[in-house]
Amino acid sequence: ADVRVNQLQQLLQGSVVPMVNEGPIKICETFLAKEERKKYPVEQVSELEEEMKKFINRCGFAVKLANQVIETRQLDEYVQFQKMIAVHYNKMKEKLNPFLFQTD
């Protein structure tokens, strides 16, 4: 499959770089914070938690894919932007993990 790095980076930027709204972090704060969870049906909270875990994993896969394509094709013009995306992905993952891997 032909990977379009520019499109992949745009998708990643919209997913992991906080811009106008806080996206995934706001979702977790609103629905998955310990004190918020009890306000909603357990099944729905569990489903949201699983979907957020999948979201993080898919973003991680996309970051790695973009890195590999950029390196393989020697697309130097994308390297700096990709580094910024990777940094934001890691920050997002750090912020989301406490909401997704809670222990009672």
C-alpha atoms as a PDB file:
ATOM      1  CA  ALA A   1       0.000   0.000   0.000  1.00  0.00           C
ATOM      2  CA  ASP A   2       1.178   3.479  -0.830  1.00  0.00           C
ATOM      3  CA  VAL A   3       1.522   5.555   2.330  1.00  0.00           C
ATOM      4  CA  ARG A   4       0.960   9.268   1.833  1.00  0.00           C
ATOM      5  CA  VAL A   5       3.100  10.753   4.587  1.00  0.00           C
ATOM      6  CA  ASN A   6       1.546  14.204   4.322  1.00  0.00           C
ATOM      7  CA  GLN A   7      -1.989  12.852   4.843  1.00  0.00           C
ATOM      8  CA  LEU A   8      -0.855  10.539   7.630  1.00  0.00           C
ATOM      9  CA  GLN A   9       0.865  13.424   9.420  1.00  0.00           C
ATOM     10  CA  GLN A  10      -2.246  15.607   9.084  1.00  0.00           C
ATOM     11  CA  LEU A  11      -4.378  12.844  10.578  1.00  0.00           C
ATOM     12  CA  LEU A  12      -1.917  12.355  13.419  1.00  0.00           C
ATOM     13  CA  GLN A  13      -1.684  16.070  14.060  1.00  0.00           C
ATOM     14  CA  GLY A  14      -5.461  16.272  14.405  1.00  0.00           C
ATOM     15  CA  SER A  15      -5.459  13.292  16.760  1.00  0.00           C
ATOM     16  CA  VAL A  16      -2.525  13.894  19.085  1.00  0.00           C
ATOM     17  CA  VAL A  17      -1.627  17.599  18.959  1.00  0.00           C
ATOM     18  CA  PRO A  18      -3.942  19.683  21.169  1.00  0.00           C
ATOM     19  CA  MET A  19      -5.204  22.613  19.137  1.00  0.00           C
ATOM     20  CA  VAL A  20      -8.590  24.312  19.504  1.00  0.00           C
ATOM     21  CA  ASN A  21     -10.112  21.583  21.647  1.00  0.00           C
ATOM     22  CA  GLU A  22      -8.400  19.128  23.922  1.00  0.00           C
ATOM     23  CA  GLY A  23      -9.812  16.060  22.187  1.00  0.00           C
ATOM     24  CA  PRO A  24      -8.954  12.727  23.799  1.00  0.00           C
ATOM     25  CA  ILE A  25      -7.682  14.276  27.030  1.00  0.00           C
ATOM     26  CA  LYS A  26     -10.936  16.181  27.549  1.00  0.00           C
ATOM     27  CA  ILE A  27     -12.954  13.019  26.859  1.00  0.00           C
ATOM     28  CA  CYS A  28     -11.017  11.145  29.532  1.00  0.00           C
ATOM     29  CA  GLU A  29     -11.288  13.981  32.050  1.00  0.00           C
ATOM     30  CA  THR A  30     -15.025  14.232  31.453  1.00  0.00           C
ATOM     31  CA  PHE A  31     -15.986  10.560  31.472  1.00  0.00           C
ATOM     32  CA  LEU A  32     -13.097   8.445  32.790  1.00  0.00           C
ATOM     33  CA  ALA A  33     -11.826  10.401  35.791  1.00  0.00           C
ATOM     34  CA  LYS A  34     -12.364   8.388  38.970  1.00  0.00           C
ATOM     35  CA  GLU A  35     -15.001  10.794  40.340  1.00  0.00           C
ATOM     36  CA  GLU A  36     -16.804  11.024  36.962  1.00  0.00           C
ATOM     37  CA  ARG A  37     -17.081   7.292  36.196  1.00  0.00           C
ATOM     38  CA  LYS A  38     -19.857   6.678  38.703  1.00  0.00           C
ATOM     39  CA  LYS A  39     -22.127   9.175  36.908  1.00  0.00           C
ATOM     40  CA  TYR A  40     -22.457   6.886  33.875  1.00  0.00           C
ATOM     41  CA  PRO A  41     -23.460   3.262  33.215  1.00  0.00           C
ATOM     42  CA  VAL A  42     -20.576   0.874  33.931  1.00  0.00           C
ATOM     43  CA  GLU A  43     -20.864  -0.833  30.522  1.00  0.00           C
ATOM     44  CA  GLN A  44     -20.573   2.470  28.658  1.00  0.00           C
ATOM     45  CA  VAL A  45     -17.612   3.613  30.744  1.00  0.00           C
ATOM     46  CA  SER A  46     -15.862   0.285  30.105  1.00  0.00           C
ATOM     47  CA  GLU A  47     -16.560   0.523  26.379  1.00  0.00           C
ATOM     48  CA  LEU A  48     -15.239   4.077  26.210  1.00  0.00           C
ATOM     49  CA  GLU A  49     -12.140   3.056  28.140  1.00  0.00           C
ATOM     50  CA  GLU A  50     -11.457   0.206  25.682  1.00  0.00           C
ATOM     51  CA  GLU A  51     -11.999   2.463  22.665  1.00  0.00           C
ATOM     52  CA  MET A  52      -9.622   5.072  24.079  1.00  0.00           C
ATOM     53  CA  LYS A  53      -6.985   2.356  24.568  1.00  0.00           C
ATOM     54  CA  LYS A  54      -7.470   1.308  20.929  1.00  0.00           C
ATOM     55  CA  PHE A  55      -7.199   4.958  19.857  1.00  0.00           C
ATOM     56  CA  ILE A  56      -3.842   5.332  21.626  1.00  0.00           C
ATOM     57  CA  ASN A  57      -2.560   2.074  20.113  1.00  0.00           C
ATOM     58  CA  ARG A  58      -3.640   3.074  16.598  1.00  0.00           C
ATOM     59  CA  CYS A  59      -2.051   6.498  16.935  1.00  0.00           C
ATOM     60  CA  GLY A  60       1.146   4.805  18.119  1.00  0.00           C
ATOM     61  CA  PHE A  61       1.066   2.485  15.122  1.00  0.00           C
ATOM     62  CA  ALA A  62       0.560   5.455  12.779  1.00  0.00           C
ATOM     63  CA  VAL A  63       3.465   7.363  14.351  1.00  0.00           C
ATOM     64  CA  LYS A  64       5.744   4.337  13.860  1.00  0.00           C
ATOM     65  CA  LEU A  65       4.511   3.829  10.296  1.00  0.00           C
ATOM     66  CA  ALA A  66       5.151   7.453   9.388  1.00  0.00           C
ATOM     67  CA  ASN A  67       8.622   7.249  10.962  1.00  0.00           C
ATOM     68  CA  GLN A  68       9.466   4.146   8.920  1.00  0.00           C
ATOM     69  CA  VAL A  69       8.187   5.601   5.644  1.00  0.00           C
ATOM     70  CA  ILE A  70      10.030   8.884   6.185  1.00  0.00           C
ATOM     71  CA  GLU A  71      13.247   7.032   6.991  1.00  0.00           C
ATOM     72  CA  THR A  72      12.940   4.478   4.167  1.00  0.00           C
ATOM     73  CA  ARG A  73      12.130   7.074   1.520  1.00  0.00           C
ATOM     74  CA  GLN A  74      14.581   9.587   2.995  1.00  0.00           C
ATOM     75  CA  LEU A  75      11.907  12.274   3.143  1.00  0.00           C
ATOM     76  CA  ASP A  76      13.958  14.808   5.070  1.00  0.00           C
ATOM     77  CA  GLU A  77      11.348  17.553   4.648  1.00  0.00           C
ATOM     78  CA  TYR A  78       8.969  15.620   6.944  1.00  0.00           C
ATOM     79  CA  VAL A  79      11.414  14.779   9.743  1.00  0.00           C
ATOM     80  CA  GLN A  80      11.007  17.864  11.964  1.00  0.00           C
ATOM     81  CA  PHE A  81       7.216  17.807  11.789  1.00  0.00           C
ATOM     82  CA  GLN A  82       7.228  14.082  12.513  1.00  0.00           C
ATOM     83  CA  LYS A  83       9.423  14.594  15.576  1.00  0.00           C
ATOM     84  CA  MET A  84       6.919  17.165  16.865  1.00  0.00           C
ATOM     85  CA  ILE A  85       4.044  14.714  16.298  1.00  0.00           C
ATOM     86  CA  ALA A  86       5.918  11.946  18.138  1.00  0.00           C
ATOM     87  CA  VAL A  87       6.558  14.249  21.113  1.00  0.00           C
ATOM     88  CA  HIS A  88       2.864  15.185  21.292  1.00  0.00           C
ATOM     89  CA  TYR A  89       1.814  11.545  20.956  1.00  0.00           C
ATOM     90  CA  ASN A  90       4.012  10.601  23.918  1.00  0.00           C
ATOM     91  CA  LYS A  91       2.668  13.520  25.979  1.00  0.00           C
ATOM     92  CA  MET A  92      -0.908  12.547  25.147  1.00  0.00           C
ATOM     93  CA  LYS A  93      -0.243   8.918  26.054  1.00  0.00           C
ATOM     94  CA  GLU A  94       1.270   9.958  29.401  1.00  0.00           C
ATOM     95  CA  LYS A  95      -1.744  12.139  30.183  1.00  0.00           C
ATOM     96  CA  LEU A  96      -4.283   9.475  29.191  1.00  0.00           C
ATOM     97  CA  ASN A  97      -2.709   6.447  30.870  1.00  0.00           C
ATOM     98  CA  PRO A  98      -3.848   7.363  34.405  1.00  0.00           C
ATOM     99  CA  PHE A  99      -7.474   7.462  33.175  1.00  0.00           C
ATOM    100  CA  LEU A 100      -7.213   4.162  31.321  1.00  0.00           C
ATOM    101  CA  PHE A 101      -5.262   2.031  33.744  1.00  0.00           C
ATOM    102  CA  GLN A 102      -6.874   2.893  37.060  1.00  0.00           C
ATOM    103  CA  THR A 103      -6.590   0.719  40.095  1.00  0.00           C
ATOM    104  CA  ASP A 104      -9.163   0.908  42.849  1.00  0.00           C
END
